[in-house]
Amino acid sequence: MLQASMESRIINTSSVNGFWAAIGPHIPHAAYCAAKFAVKGFTEALITDLRINAPNVSCSVVMPGHIGTSIVENSRKLVREKNAEDPTDAEVQLARELYLRGGYR
């Protein structure tokens, strides 16, 4: 249907994490970042493929920034198996160290 139309567009959704391999030191995020890199890379490859094989079909990737959801809190609950609203002492200490080293700029 896309090729049969006069003009069409494929829009893939990735994330700003498609630009970085990690969201910060000591924060495991490999699977998520790999998935977002994959969507970005696939879209870039598809753009070239479509230009050659289906020039009436274009392709874009949307990479939204961080959205204020409760994903971090819910992840902490799974890992800690307790109330995750307040950071642990170790998390507070790590945040302070990162800030002092300029890791949050």
N, C-alpha and C. Protein backbone atom coordinates (compact mmCIF):
# COMPACT_ATOMS: atom_id res chain seq x y z
N MET A 1 0.82 -1.19 0.00
CA MET A 1 0.00 0.00 0.00
C MET A 1 0.87 1.25 0.00
N LEU A 2 1.98 1.20 0.74
CA LEU A 2 2.86 2.37 0.77
C LEU A 2 3.45 2.64 -0.60
N GLN A 3 3.91 1.60 -1.27
CA GLN A 3 4.51 1.78 -2.58
C GLN A 3 3.47 2.17 -3.63
N ALA A 4 2.26 1.72 -3.47
CA ALA A 4 1.21 2.03 -4.43
C ALA A 4 0.72 3.47 -4.33
N SER A 5 0.92 4.11 -3.21
CA SER A 5 0.45 5.49 -3.04
C SER A 5 1.40 6.47 -3.72
N MET A 6 0.89 7.67 -3.97
CA MET A 6 1.72 8.70 -4.60
C MET A 6 2.87 9.12 -3.69
N GLU A 7 2.56 9.25 -2.41
CA GLU A 7 3.56 9.66 -1.43
C GLU A 7 3.17 9.07 -0.08
N SER A 8 4.13 8.52 0.63
CA SER A 8 3.84 7.96 1.95
C SER A 8 5.07 8.09 2.84
N ARG A 9 4.86 7.91 4.12
CA ARG A 9 5.96 8.07 5.09
C ARG A 9 5.83 7.01 6.18
N ILE A 10 6.96 6.44 6.53
CA ILE A 10 7.07 5.52 7.67
C ILE A 10 7.68 6.33 8.80
N ILE A 11 7.08 6.27 9.97
CA ILE A 11 7.61 6.99 11.13
C ILE A 11 7.87 5.97 12.23
N ASN A 12 9.13 5.84 12.62
CA ASN A 12 9.53 4.94 13.70
C ASN A 12 9.77 5.75 14.96
N THR A 13 9.51 5.16 16.10
CA THR A 13 9.71 5.83 17.38
C THR A 13 10.86 5.17 18.12
N SER A 14 11.86 5.96 18.46
CA SER A 14 13.01 5.50 19.23
C SER A 14 12.99 6.23 20.56
N SER A 15 14.10 6.81 20.93
CA SER A 15 14.23 7.56 22.18
C SER A 15 15.52 8.35 22.12
N VAL A 16 15.61 9.36 22.93
CA VAL A 16 16.86 10.11 23.03
C VAL A 16 18.00 9.17 23.46
N ASN A 17 17.65 8.06 24.10
CA ASN A 17 18.67 7.08 24.50
C ASN A 17 19.27 6.34 23.31
N GLY A 18 18.75 6.57 22.12
CA GLY A 18 19.36 6.04 20.92
C GLY A 18 20.64 6.75 20.54
N PHE A 19 20.95 7.84 21.22
CA PHE A 19 22.19 8.59 21.00
C PHE A 19 23.31 8.17 21.94
N TRP A 20 22.96 7.57 23.09
CA TRP A 20 23.96 7.24 24.10
C TRP A 20 23.90 5.76 24.46
N ALA A 21 25.02 5.21 24.82
CA ALA A 21 25.07 3.80 25.21
C ALA A 21 24.69 3.60 26.67
N ALA A 22 24.61 4.66 27.44
CA ALA A 22 24.25 4.56 28.85
C ALA A 22 23.63 5.88 29.28
N ILE A 23 22.85 5.85 30.33
CA ILE A 23 22.26 7.09 30.83
C ILE A 23 23.09 7.68 31.96
N GLY A 24 24.13 7.01 32.36
CA GLY A 24 25.01 7.51 33.40
C GLY A 24 25.90 6.40 33.92
N PRO A 25 26.98 6.77 34.58
CA PRO A 25 27.87 5.73 35.11
C PRO A 25 27.19 4.92 36.20
N HIS A 26 27.48 3.67 36.25
CA HIS A 26 26.96 2.75 37.26
C HIS A 26 25.45 2.55 37.18
N ILE A 27 24.88 2.84 36.01
CA ILE A 27 23.44 2.65 35.82
C ILE A 27 23.25 1.68 34.66
N PRO A 28 22.90 0.43 34.94
CA PRO A 28 22.72 -0.53 33.85
C PRO A 28 21.49 -0.17 33.01
N HIS A 29 21.70 -0.08 31.72
CA HIS A 29 20.64 0.33 30.82
C HIS A 29 20.88 -0.25 29.43
N ALA A 30 21.65 -1.34 29.36
CA ALA A 30 22.13 -1.87 28.08
C ALA A 30 21.00 -2.29 27.15
N ALA A 31 20.05 -3.04 27.63
CA ALA A 31 18.99 -3.55 26.76
C ALA A 31 18.16 -2.42 26.16
N TYR A 32 17.80 -1.45 26.98
CA TYR A 32 16.98 -0.33 26.50
C TYR A 32 17.75 0.48 25.46
N CYS A 33 19.00 0.84 25.77
CA CYS A 33 19.79 1.63 24.83
C CYS A 33 20.03 0.86 23.54
N ALA A 34 20.29 -0.44 23.63
CA ALA A 34 20.51 -1.25 22.43
C ALA A 34 19.26 -1.25 21.55
N ALA A 35 18.10 -1.35 22.16
CA ALA A 35 16.86 -1.34 21.39
C ALA A 35 16.66 0.00 20.70
N LYS A 36 16.98 1.09 21.38
CA LYS A 36 16.79 2.42 20.80
C LYS A 36 17.82 2.69 19.71
N PHE A 37 19.07 2.23 19.90
CA PHE A 37 20.08 2.31 18.84
C PHE A 37 19.59 1.54 17.61
N ALA A 38 19.00 0.37 17.83
CA ALA A 38 18.54 -0.48 16.74
C ALA A 38 17.46 0.21 15.91
N VAL A 39 16.51 0.86 16.57
CA VAL A 39 15.44 1.55 15.85
C VAL A 39 16.03 2.70 15.03
N LYS A 40 16.94 3.44 15.63
CA LYS A 40 17.58 4.55 14.91
C LYS A 40 18.38 4.04 13.72
N GLY A 41 19.19 3.01 13.92
CA GLY A 41 20.00 2.44 12.84
C GLY A 41 19.14 1.83 11.74
N PHE A 42 18.11 1.11 12.12
CA PHE A 42 17.20 0.53 11.14
C PHE A 42 16.56 1.62 10.28
N THR A 43 16.13 2.70 10.92
CA THR A 43 15.50 3.79 10.18
C THR A 43 16.48 4.43 9.21
N GLU A 44 17.72 4.66 9.67
CA GLU A 44 18.73 5.25 8.78
C GLU A 44 19.01 4.35 7.59
N ALA A 45 19.08 3.04 7.80
CA ALA A 45 19.29 2.10 6.70
C ALA A 45 18.08 2.07 5.77
N LEU A 46 16.89 2.13 6.36
CA LEU A 46 15.66 2.10 5.58
C LEU A 46 15.53 3.33 4.69
N ILE A 47 15.99 4.47 5.17
CA ILE A 47 15.95 5.70 4.36
C ILE A 47 16.71 5.49 3.05
N THR A 48 17.90 4.91 3.13
CA THR A 48 18.69 4.64 1.92
C THR A 48 18.00 3.62 1.04
N ASP A 49 17.51 2.55 1.63
CA ASP A 49 16.83 1.50 0.87
C ASP A 49 15.62 2.06 0.13
N LEU A 50 14.83 2.86 0.81
CA LEU A 50 13.63 3.42 0.20
C LEU A 50 13.98 4.40 -0.92
N ARG A 51 15.02 5.19 -0.76
CA ARG A 51 15.42 6.12 -1.83
C ARG A 51 15.71 5.37 -3.13
N ILE A 52 16.30 4.18 -2.99
CA ILE A 52 16.65 3.39 -4.17
C ILE A 52 15.46 2.59 -4.69
N ASN A 53 14.73 1.93 -3.82
CA ASN A 53 13.70 0.97 -4.22
C ASN A 53 12.26 1.48 -4.20
N ALA A 54 12.01 2.54 -3.46
CA ALA A 54 10.64 3.08 -3.38
C ALA A 54 10.73 4.57 -3.09
N PRO A 55 11.15 5.36 -4.08
CA PRO A 55 11.38 6.78 -3.84
C PRO A 55 10.16 7.58 -3.41
N ASN A 56 8.96 7.04 -3.58
CA ASN A 56 7.76 7.74 -3.13
C ASN A 56 7.48 7.51 -1.64
N VAL A 57 8.26 6.64 -1.02
CA VAL A 57 8.10 6.35 0.41
C VAL A 57 9.28 6.97 1.16
N SER A 58 8.99 7.81 2.12
CA SER A 58 10.05 8.38 2.95
C SER A 58 9.96 7.80 4.36
N CYS A 59 10.97 8.08 5.15
CA CYS A 59 11.06 7.46 6.47
C CYS A 59 11.67 8.45 7.45
N SER A 60 11.15 8.46 8.66
CA SER A 60 11.66 9.32 9.73
C SER A 60 11.75 8.53 11.02
N VAL A 61 12.58 9.04 11.92
CA VAL A 61 12.62 8.47 13.26
C VAL A 61 12.37 9.61 14.25
N VAL A 62 11.48 9.37 15.19
CA VAL A 62 11.18 10.33 16.25
C VAL A 62 11.92 9.87 17.49
N MET A 63 12.66 10.78 18.11
CA MET A 63 13.46 10.42 19.29
C MET A 63 13.11 11.35 20.45
N PRO A 64 11.97 11.10 21.09
CA PRO A 64 11.55 11.98 22.18
C PRO A 64 12.51 11.92 23.37
N GLY A 65 12.53 12.99 24.11
CA GLY A 65 13.35 13.06 25.31
C GLY A 65 12.70 12.33 26.46
N HIS A 66 13.25 12.55 27.63
CA HIS A 66 12.76 11.87 28.81
C HIS A 66 11.37 12.38 29.17
N ILE A 67 10.51 11.45 29.48
CA ILE A 67 9.12 11.76 29.83
C ILE A 67 8.93 11.44 31.31
N GLY A 68 8.25 12.30 32.01
CA GLY A 68 8.03 12.12 33.44
C GLY A 68 7.04 11.00 33.74
N THR A 69 7.53 9.79 33.80
CA THR A 69 6.68 8.65 34.16
C THR A 69 7.21 8.04 35.45
N SER A 70 6.54 7.03 35.92
CA SER A 70 6.97 6.36 37.15
C SER A 70 7.83 5.13 36.86
N ILE A 71 8.46 5.06 35.69
CA ILE A 71 9.24 3.88 35.33
C ILE A 71 10.41 3.66 36.30
N VAL A 72 11.07 4.73 36.72
CA VAL A 72 12.20 4.58 37.64
C VAL A 72 11.71 4.06 38.98
N GLU A 73 10.65 4.64 39.49
CA GLU A 73 10.10 4.20 40.76
C GLU A 73 9.66 2.74 40.69
N ASN A 74 8.97 2.39 39.61
CA ASN A 74 8.51 1.00 39.48
C ASN A 74 9.68 0.03 39.35
N SER A 75 10.74 0.45 38.66
CA SER A 75 11.93 -0.40 38.54
C SER A 75 12.58 -0.60 39.90
N ARG A 76 12.66 0.47 40.67
CA ARG A 76 13.24 0.35 42.02
C ARG A 76 12.42 -0.60 42.87
N LYS A 77 11.10 -0.54 42.75
CA LYS A 77 10.25 -1.44 43.53
C LYS A 77 10.53 -2.89 43.18
N LEU A 78 10.75 -3.17 41.90
CA LEU A 78 11.05 -4.54 41.49
C LEU A 78 12.39 -5.01 42.03
N VAL A 79 13.37 -4.11 41.98
CA VAL A 79 14.72 -4.49 42.42
C VAL A 79 14.79 -4.57 43.93
N ARG A 80 14.22 -3.60 44.62
CA ARG A 80 14.33 -3.54 46.08
C ARG A 80 13.25 -4.33 46.80
N GLU A 81 12.14 -4.52 46.15
CA GLU A 81 10.99 -5.19 46.75
C GLU A 81 10.51 -4.46 48.01
N LYS A 82 10.56 -3.12 47.96
CA LYS A 82 10.03 -2.31 49.05
C LYS A 82 9.72 -0.93 48.50
N ASN A 83 9.32 -0.02 49.36
CA ASN A 83 8.97 1.34 48.94
C ASN A 83 10.16 1.98 48.24
N ALA A 84 9.92 2.49 47.04
CA ALA A 84 11.01 3.04 46.26
C ALA A 84 10.92 4.55 46.07
N GLU A 85 10.04 5.20 46.79
CA GLU A 85 9.89 6.63 46.59
C GLU A 85 11.12 7.40 47.04
N ASP A 86 11.74 6.99 48.10
CA ASP A 86 12.94 7.67 48.59
C ASP A 86 14.18 6.92 48.11
N PRO A 87 15.19 7.65 47.64
CA PRO A 87 16.42 6.97 47.23
C PRO A 87 17.14 6.37 48.43
N THR A 88 17.91 5.34 48.17
CA THR A 88 18.70 4.74 49.25
C THR A 88 19.87 5.67 49.58
N ASP A 89 20.51 5.42 50.71
CA ASP A 89 21.68 6.22 51.09
C ASP A 89 22.77 6.10 50.02
N ALA A 90 22.93 4.91 49.46
CA ALA A 90 23.95 4.71 48.43
C ALA A 90 23.62 5.51 47.17
N GLU A 91 22.34 5.60 46.80
CA GLU A 91 21.94 6.37 45.63
C GLU A 91 22.16 7.87 45.86
N VAL A 92 21.87 8.34 47.05
CA VAL A 92 22.11 9.74 47.37
C VAL A 92 23.60 10.05 47.30
N GLN A 93 24.42 9.16 47.86
CA GLN A 93 25.86 9.36 47.84
C GLN A 93 26.39 9.37 46.40
N LEU A 94 25.92 8.44 45.57
CA LEU A 94 26.35 8.39 44.18
C LEU A 94 25.94 9.66 43.44
N ALA A 95 24.73 10.14 43.67
CA ALA A 95 24.27 11.37 43.02
C ALA A 95 25.14 12.56 43.43
N ARG A 96 25.51 12.62 44.70
CA ARG A 96 26.38 13.71 45.17
C ARG A 96 27.75 13.64 44.52
N GLU A 97 28.29 12.43 44.44
CA GLU A 97 29.61 12.26 43.81
C GLU A 97 29.57 12.65 42.34
N LEU A 98 28.54 12.22 41.64
CA LEU A 98 28.40 12.56 40.23
C LEU A 98 28.27 14.07 40.05
N TYR A 99 27.49 14.69 40.89
CA TYR A 99 27.31 16.14 40.80
C TYR A 99 28.63 16.86 41.02
N LEU A 100 29.36 16.46 42.04
CA LEU A 100 30.64 17.10 42.35
C LEU A 100 31.67 16.91 41.23
N ARG A 101 31.58 15.79 40.52
CA ARG A 101 32.50 15.53 39.41
C ARG A 101 32.00 16.14 38.11
N GLY A 102 30.84 16.76 38.13
CA GLY A 102 30.30 17.36 36.92
C GLY A 102 29.53 16.39 36.05
N GLY A 103 29.11 15.27 36.61
CA GLY A 103 28.41 14.26 35.83
C GLY A 103 26.98 14.60 35.49
N TYR A 104 26.42 15.65 36.08
CA TYR A 104 25.02 15.99 35.81
C TYR A 104 24.89 17.29 35.04
N ARG A 105 25.84 17.62 34.24
CA ARG A 105 25.77 18.88 33.49
C ARG A 105 25.28 18.64 32.11
